[in-house]
Amino acid sequence: MTLQVTVQPSGHAFTVPEGDTVLAAALNQGLHLPYGCRNGACGSCKGKLAAGAVDYGKYQKSALSDDERAAGYALFCVAKPLSDLTIEVRAIGAVQDIVVKKLPCRVHRMERAADDVMILYLKLPANERLQFLAGQYIEFILKDGTRRSFSMANAPHDDEFLQLHVRHVPGGAFTDHVFKHMKERDILRFEGPLGSFFLRESEKPIVYVASGTGFAPVKAIIESAFKQGVERPMTLYWGARRPPDLYLDQLARKWAAEQPRFSYVPVISDALPEDRWRGRTGFVHRAVMADLPDLSGHQVYACGVPVMVESARRDFTHACHLPIDEFLCDSFTTQADLAQGATGA
């Protein structure tokens, strides 16, 4: 049975074959809805059911609370229609001409940026080029068919290599392989570009909030904005447990020194005495709130661990008056996160 979905306010309509999610059917028919993880963990695909019913699928409550579900919201990356639907969500035009490809790549270089962060430089075949928007990600296709997602840290104009920032998750099959067995010249296969975390057109000042390797897509967006001559004021808040975890701190400081409309605020949550840290401390999103208690005139891009992204979404929109449409995010979920946090019916 095929069902129809109508998208408001755009008026676009598409059909959903039996068994497909709303998001998968939309993407397959060329309509790009907001999304990030595609597994019910980040909340980027959240929208409202104006009419009709869905099977909500499995998801994490941090991405869709019981109150939100009761208010008519669903995560369209996991929701499957049970009837014709009318949904309220913004279609995205910027990715319409970008082709998602499956490609091989070669590991060109590996750089240990921190004890638990490896920067990978990947080379595409000579006759291939990946067109993407700064902030998007790719999915590695592993030998058993499973996938692992990583954001690209290079801007589109700097595409000699795809740059990825991989944090080691002990016991993680892929990251264990990267840190223990991967060698330069190894061949990997991936699909991309994917995701809707990229810079939106606006005149509003930008606040970037990153935790850990959530810096990767933010780096790409910032460098792309510099290249394009974007003149909007930009502030980066980058949070980590200890100073060495800010693995490209000097790069961010260089941007702040060279770009008159860019500011950088590093935030450390668990400094040790030997770190001799004299900068900002605590949770990174709380530093934003202390500096900018009124975010009503800003646009926010948040990326990192799910607890940071969800805390920022909740506190910025409720306490700092940020319009929910101006909160763009990408939540980095591991397979362990998904195994521990899945819920739904």
Protein backbone atom coordinates (compact mmCIF):
# COMPACT_ATOMS: atom_id res chain seq x y z
CA MET A 1 0.00 0.00 0.00
CA THR A 2 1.34 3.41 -0.99
CA LEU A 3 0.45 6.45 1.11
CA GLN A 4 0.77 10.15 0.37
CA VAL A 5 2.52 12.80 2.43
CA THR A 6 1.88 16.52 1.97
CA VAL A 7 4.48 18.92 3.34
CA GLN A 8 3.47 22.28 4.75
CA PRO A 9 4.11 25.15 4.30
CA SER A 10 5.75 24.31 0.96
CA GLY A 11 2.83 22.28 -0.42
CA HIS A 12 5.15 19.57 -1.78
CA ALA A 13 3.73 16.06 -1.89
CA PHE A 14 5.31 12.62 -2.25
CA THR A 15 4.34 8.98 -1.86
CA VAL A 16 5.66 6.49 0.68
CA PRO A 17 5.89 2.83 -0.31
CA GLU A 18 4.93 0.33 2.37
CA GLY A 19 7.75 -0.16 4.86
CA ASP A 20 9.59 3.10 4.07
CA THR A 21 10.10 5.93 6.52
CA VAL A 22 8.87 9.42 5.70
CA LEU A 23 12.43 10.71 5.30
CA ALA A 24 13.64 7.85 3.10
CA ALA A 25 10.69 8.23 0.75
CA ALA A 26 11.17 12.00 0.53
CA LEU A 27 14.88 11.71 -0.25
CA ASN A 28 14.27 8.96 -2.81
CA GLN A 29 11.88 11.28 -4.65
CA GLY A 30 14.17 14.29 -4.61
CA LEU A 31 12.57 16.21 -1.74
CA HIS A 32 15.14 17.14 0.88
CA LEU A 33 13.86 17.37 4.44
CA PRO A 34 16.13 18.25 7.39
CA TYR A 35 17.96 15.25 8.84
CA GLY A 36 21.16 14.19 10.52
CA CYS A 37 21.73 10.74 11.98
CA ARG A 38 18.90 8.84 10.19
CA ASN A 39 18.46 6.58 13.22
CA GLY A 40 16.24 8.49 15.66
CA ALA A 41 19.04 9.86 17.81
CA CYS A 42 19.70 13.50 16.95
CA GLY A 43 16.30 15.17 16.45
CA SER A 44 17.28 17.08 13.29
CA CYS A 45 14.40 15.54 11.34
CA LYS A 46 11.75 16.44 13.92
CA GLY A 47 8.50 17.82 12.52
CA LYS A 48 4.82 18.06 13.34
CA LEU A 49 2.02 15.76 12.28
CA ALA A 50 -0.77 18.06 11.17
CA ALA A 51 -2.97 15.15 10.02
CA GLY A 52 -2.66 11.37 9.93
CA ALA A 53 -0.94 8.73 12.04
CA VAL A 54 2.49 7.09 12.06
CA ASP A 55 4.36 4.19 13.54
CA TYR A 56 6.92 6.21 15.52
CA GLY A 57 9.63 3.56 15.22
CA LYS A 58 12.59 3.23 17.59
CA TYR A 59 14.22 6.43 18.78
CA GLN A 60 15.94 8.04 21.73
CA LYS A 61 13.87 10.10 24.13
CA SER A 62 16.57 12.76 24.10
CA ALA A 63 15.57 13.34 20.45
CA LEU A 64 11.79 13.20 20.99
CA SER A 65 10.37 13.67 24.48
CA ASP A 66 7.03 12.30 25.60
CA ASP A 67 5.67 15.84 25.76
CA GLU A 68 6.76 16.53 22.18
CA ARG A 69 5.20 13.30 20.97
CA ALA A 70 1.96 14.16 22.78
CA ALA A 71 2.05 17.58 21.09
CA GLY A 72 2.07 15.92 17.67
CA TYR A 73 5.76 15.76 16.81
CA ALA A 74 7.59 12.82 15.24
CA LEU A 75 11.06 11.94 13.98
CA PHE A 76 10.63 11.44 10.26
CA CYS A 77 13.83 9.43 9.86
CA VAL A 78 12.22 6.53 11.76
CA ALA A 79 8.47 7.27 11.50
CA LYS A 80 6.45 5.20 9.01
CA PRO A 81 3.01 6.37 7.83
CA LEU A 82 -0.08 4.43 8.87
CA SER A 83 -2.31 6.71 6.78
CA ASP A 84 -1.99 9.64 4.41
CA LEU A 85 -0.15 12.43 6.22
CA THR A 86 0.14 16.18 6.33
CA ILE A 87 3.36 17.22 8.03
CA GLU A 88 4.83 20.56 9.00
CA VAL A 89 8.54 20.76 8.26
CA ARG A 90 10.78 22.94 6.13
CA ALA A 91 12.01 21.50 2.85
CA ILE A 92 15.63 22.37 2.06
CA GLY A 93 16.60 23.66 -1.35
CA ALA A 94 20.38 23.92 -1.01
CA VAL A 95 21.05 20.20 -1.52
CA GLN A 96 18.79 19.61 -4.50
CA ASP A 97 21.56 19.47 -7.08
CA ILE A 98 24.01 17.42 -5.00
CA VAL A 99 24.32 13.77 -6.03
CA VAL A 100 24.77 11.14 -3.32
CA LYS A 101 27.40 8.65 -4.50
CA LYS A 102 28.98 5.38 -3.40
CA LEU A 103 32.74 5.68 -3.91
CA PRO A 104 36.02 4.06 -2.93
CA CYS A 105 38.76 6.13 -1.32
CA ARG A 106 42.34 5.58 -0.25
CA VAL A 107 43.80 6.51 3.14
CA HIS A 108 46.41 9.07 2.12
CA ARG A 109 47.59 10.23 5.54
CA MET A 110 46.86 9.65 9.24
CA GLU A 111 47.68 12.27 11.88
CA ARG A 112 47.32 11.67 15.62
CA ALA A 113 45.89 15.00 16.79
CA ALA A 114 45.29 13.89 20.39
CA ASP A 115 45.53 10.67 22.36
CA ASP A 116 42.05 9.71 21.18
CA VAL A 117 41.67 11.73 17.95
CA MET A 118 42.96 10.69 14.54
CA ILE A 119 42.72 12.96 11.51
CA LEU A 120 42.27 10.95 8.31
CA TYR A 121 43.01 12.38 4.88
CA LEU A 122 41.21 10.38 2.19
CA LYS A 123 41.96 10.49 -1.54
CA LEU A 124 39.25 9.86 -4.13
CA PRO A 125 39.92 8.14 -7.47
CA ALA A 126 41.56 10.47 -10.01
CA ASN A 127 38.41 10.82 -12.12
CA GLU A 128 36.03 11.42 -9.21
CA ARG A 129 35.00 14.50 -7.27
CA LEU A 130 32.57 14.75 -4.38
CA GLN A 131 30.30 17.78 -4.48
CA PHE A 132 29.09 18.62 -0.97
CA LEU A 133 28.07 21.40 1.38
CA ALA A 134 30.33 22.31 4.30
CA GLY A 135 29.03 20.50 7.37
CA GLN A 136 27.75 17.35 5.64
CA TYR A 137 28.95 13.83 6.42
CA ILE A 138 29.77 10.51 4.76
CA GLU A 139 28.96 6.95 5.80
CA PHE A 140 31.61 4.25 5.57
CA ILE A 141 30.19 0.96 4.31
CA LEU A 142 31.89 -1.83 6.26
CA LYS A 143 32.46 -5.37 5.04
CA ASP A 144 29.49 -6.72 7.01
CA GLY A 145 27.21 -4.06 5.52
CA THR A 146 27.03 -1.91 8.65
CA ARG A 147 27.79 1.79 8.41
CA ARG A 148 29.67 4.41 10.38
CA SER A 149 29.11 8.15 9.93
CA PHE A 150 31.78 10.86 10.04
CA SER A 151 31.52 14.55 9.21
CA MET A 152 33.86 16.06 6.67
CA ALA A 153 36.16 18.65 8.25
CA ASN A 154 37.39 20.19 5.00
CA ALA A 155 35.50 22.93 3.18
CA PRO A 156 34.31 22.22 -0.39
CA HIS A 157 36.91 24.54 -1.92
CA ASP A 158 39.67 22.53 -0.21
CA ASP A 159 38.82 19.15 -1.69
CA GLU A 160 42.16 17.57 -2.62
CA PHE A 161 41.49 15.24 0.33
CA LEU A 162 38.44 14.49 2.43
CA GLN A 163 39.40 15.21 6.04
CA LEU A 164 37.76 13.34 8.90
CA HIS A 165 38.31 13.67 12.67
CA VAL A 166 37.87 10.23 14.27
CA ARG A 167 37.57 9.91 18.05
CA HIS A 168 38.56 6.53 19.46
CA VAL A 169 35.67 4.77 21.19
CA PRO A 170 37.23 1.82 23.06
CA GLY A 171 35.54 -1.36 21.92
CA GLY A 172 34.12 0.33 18.83
CA ALA A 173 34.75 -1.96 15.88
CA PHE A 174 35.55 0.78 13.38
CA THR A 175 37.46 3.19 15.61
CA ASP A 176 39.48 0.34 17.13
CA HIS A 177 40.45 -0.56 13.57
CA VAL A 178 41.43 3.03 12.78
CA PHE A 179 43.68 3.35 15.84
CA LYS A 180 45.13 -0.16 15.91
CA HIS A 181 45.20 -1.59 12.39
CA MET A 182 44.53 1.00 9.68
CA LYS A 183 47.45 1.90 7.44
CA GLU A 184 48.08 4.53 4.82
CA ARG A 185 47.00 3.33 1.34
CA ASP A 186 44.17 1.20 2.79
CA ILE A 187 41.00 1.29 0.66
CA LEU A 188 37.62 2.21 2.16
CA ARG A 189 34.19 2.55 0.62
CA PHE A 190 31.64 5.23 1.55
CA GLU A 191 28.34 6.84 0.58
CA GLY A 192 27.79 10.59 0.64
CA PRO A 193 27.38 13.43 1.04
CA LEU A 194 24.58 13.18 3.57
CA GLY A 195 22.93 15.41 6.17
CA SER A 196 21.40 18.86 6.44
CA PHE A 197 23.89 20.51 8.79
CA PHE A 198 25.17 23.41 6.71
CA LEU A 199 25.13 27.21 6.77
CA ARG A 200 21.76 28.82 6.08
CA GLU A 201 21.41 32.21 4.46
CA SER A 202 20.69 34.95 6.99
CA GLU A 203 21.97 38.28 8.24
CA LYS A 204 21.99 37.15 11.87
CA PRO A 205 25.18 36.72 13.91
CA ILE A 206 26.30 33.09 14.14
CA VAL A 207 27.12 31.12 17.27
CA TYR A 208 28.93 27.81 16.77
CA VAL A 209 28.86 25.36 19.69
CA ALA A 210 31.09 22.29 19.42
CA SER A 211 32.13 19.57 21.82
CA GLY A 212 35.03 17.23 21.09
CA THR A 213 35.19 16.14 17.45
CA GLY A 214 31.97 18.03 16.85
CA PHE A 215 34.52 20.64 15.83
CA ALA A 216 34.99 18.82 12.49
CA PRO A 217 31.90 19.97 10.55
CA VAL A 218 32.00 23.34 12.30
CA LYS A 219 35.56 23.77 11.01
CA ALA A 220 34.33 23.07 7.48
CA ILE A 221 31.48 25.58 7.79
CA ILE A 222 33.73 28.29 9.23
CA GLU A 223 36.43 27.87 6.58
CA SER A 224 33.80 27.87 3.84
CA ALA A 225 32.27 31.06 5.27
CA PHE A 226 35.69 32.73 5.27
CA LYS A 227 36.27 31.68 1.66
CA GLN A 228 32.86 33.03 0.59
CA GLY A 229 33.46 36.35 2.32
CA VAL A 230 30.56 35.98 4.76
CA GLU A 231 30.54 39.14 6.87
CA ARG A 232 28.21 38.02 9.63
CA PRO A 233 29.74 38.11 13.13
CA MET A 234 30.75 34.57 14.16
CA THR A 235 31.68 33.18 17.57
CA LEU A 236 32.96 29.65 18.16
CA TYR A 237 32.54 28.05 21.58
CA TRP A 238 34.51 24.78 21.65
CA GLY A 239 34.17 22.60 24.72
CA ALA A 240 36.30 19.69 25.94
CA ARG A 241 37.20 17.90 29.16
CA ARG A 242 40.85 18.97 29.25
CA PRO A 243 42.96 21.42 27.21
CA PRO A 244 44.71 18.72 25.09
CA ASP A 245 41.26 17.63 23.88
CA LEU A 246 41.03 20.93 21.97
CA TYR A 247 43.15 19.21 19.37
CA LEU A 248 43.21 22.09 16.84
CA ASP A 249 43.14 24.92 19.36
CA GLN A 250 45.91 26.82 17.58
CA LEU A 251 43.95 26.81 14.33
CA ALA A 252 40.92 28.36 16.04
CA ARG A 253 43.16 30.96 17.70
CA LYS A 254 44.69 31.74 14.30
CA TRP A 255 41.23 32.38 12.85
CA ALA A 256 40.44 34.74 15.73
CA ALA A 257 43.69 36.64 15.18
CA GLU A 258 43.21 37.00 11.43
CA GLN A 259 39.44 37.43 11.03
CA PRO A 260 38.06 40.66 12.54
CA ARG A 261 34.47 39.38 12.78
CA PHE A 262 35.36 36.00 14.32
CA SER A 263 35.79 35.20 18.03
CA TYR A 264 36.87 32.00 19.75
CA VAL A 265 35.95 30.88 23.27
CA PRO A 266 37.48 27.58 24.44
CA VAL A 267 35.71 26.00 27.42
CA ILE A 268 37.13 23.23 29.63
CA SER A 269 34.97 21.15 31.98
CA ASP A 270 37.44 18.91 33.87
CA ALA A 271 40.85 20.57 33.97
CA LEU A 272 43.49 19.04 36.24
CA PRO A 273 45.87 21.17 38.36
CA GLU A 274 48.77 20.32 36.05
CA ASP A 275 46.83 21.77 33.10
CA ARG A 276 47.13 25.26 34.61
CA TRP A 277 43.99 26.24 32.76
CA ARG A 278 43.07 29.90 33.14
CA GLY A 279 40.24 30.09 30.64
CA ARG A 280 36.49 29.43 30.77
CA THR A 281 35.27 26.37 32.65
CA GLY A 282 32.08 24.34 32.89
CA PHE A 283 29.65 23.17 30.23
CA VAL A 284 30.20 24.75 26.84
CA HIS A 285 26.57 25.66 26.19
CA ARG A 286 26.39 27.33 29.61
CA ALA A 287 29.25 29.59 28.56
CA VAL A 288 27.14 30.69 25.61
CA MET A 289 24.21 31.43 27.91
CA ALA A 290 26.40 33.47 30.24
CA ASP A 291 27.69 35.61 27.38
CA LEU A 292 24.49 35.77 25.33
CA PRO A 293 21.43 35.49 27.58
CA ASP A 294 19.26 36.73 24.69
CA LEU A 295 19.74 34.66 21.53
CA SER A 296 16.56 35.84 19.84
CA GLY A 297 18.53 37.61 17.12
CA HIS A 298 21.10 34.85 16.51
CA GLN A 299 21.54 31.66 14.55
CA VAL A 300 23.14 28.67 16.33
CA TYR A 301 25.01 25.69 14.90
CA ALA A 302 25.66 22.97 17.50
CA CYS A 303 27.58 19.76 16.99
CA GLY A 304 28.94 17.11 19.32
CA VAL A 305 27.79 14.56 21.85
CA PRO A 306 24.01 14.11 22.17
CA VAL A 307 23.75 15.40 25.75
CA MET A 308 25.39 18.70 24.77
CA VAL A 309 23.29 19.17 21.65
CA GLU A 310 20.02 18.39 23.41
CA SER A 311 20.88 20.57 26.42
CA ALA A 312 21.75 23.45 24.12
CA ARG A 313 18.53 23.02 22.14
CA ARG A 314 16.40 23.00 25.29
CA ASP A 315 18.14 25.80 27.17
CA PHE A 316 18.72 28.13 24.23
CA THR A 317 15.13 27.94 23.03
CA HIS A 318 13.48 28.06 26.47
CA ALA A 319 15.78 30.33 28.49
CA CYS A 320 17.53 32.43 25.81
CA HIS A 321 14.59 32.96 23.42
CA LEU A 322 16.31 31.38 20.39
CA PRO A 323 13.73 30.59 17.68
CA ILE A 324 13.71 26.82 17.25
CA ASP A 325 14.14 27.21 13.47
CA GLU A 326 17.45 28.97 14.12
CA PHE A 327 18.94 26.02 15.99
CA LEU A 328 20.79 23.79 13.52
CA CYS A 329 22.51 20.72 14.88
CA ASP A 330 24.35 17.49 14.26
CA SER A 331 24.46 15.01 17.13
CA PHE A 332 27.35 12.52 17.19
CA THR A 333 25.90 9.18 18.32
CA THR A 334 27.92 6.00 18.70
CA GLN A 335 26.63 2.45 18.29
CA ALA A 336 26.76 2.16 22.09
CA ASP A 337 24.53 5.24 22.38
CA LEU A 338 22.01 3.70 20.03
CA ALA A 339 22.00 0.35 21.83
CA GLN A 340 21.48 1.98 25.23
CA GLY A 341 19.00 4.70 24.31
CA ALA A 342 16.54 3.24 21.78
CA THR A 343 12.87 3.50 22.68
CA GLY A 344 9.55 4.00 20.95
CA ALA A 345 6.62 1.86 19.89
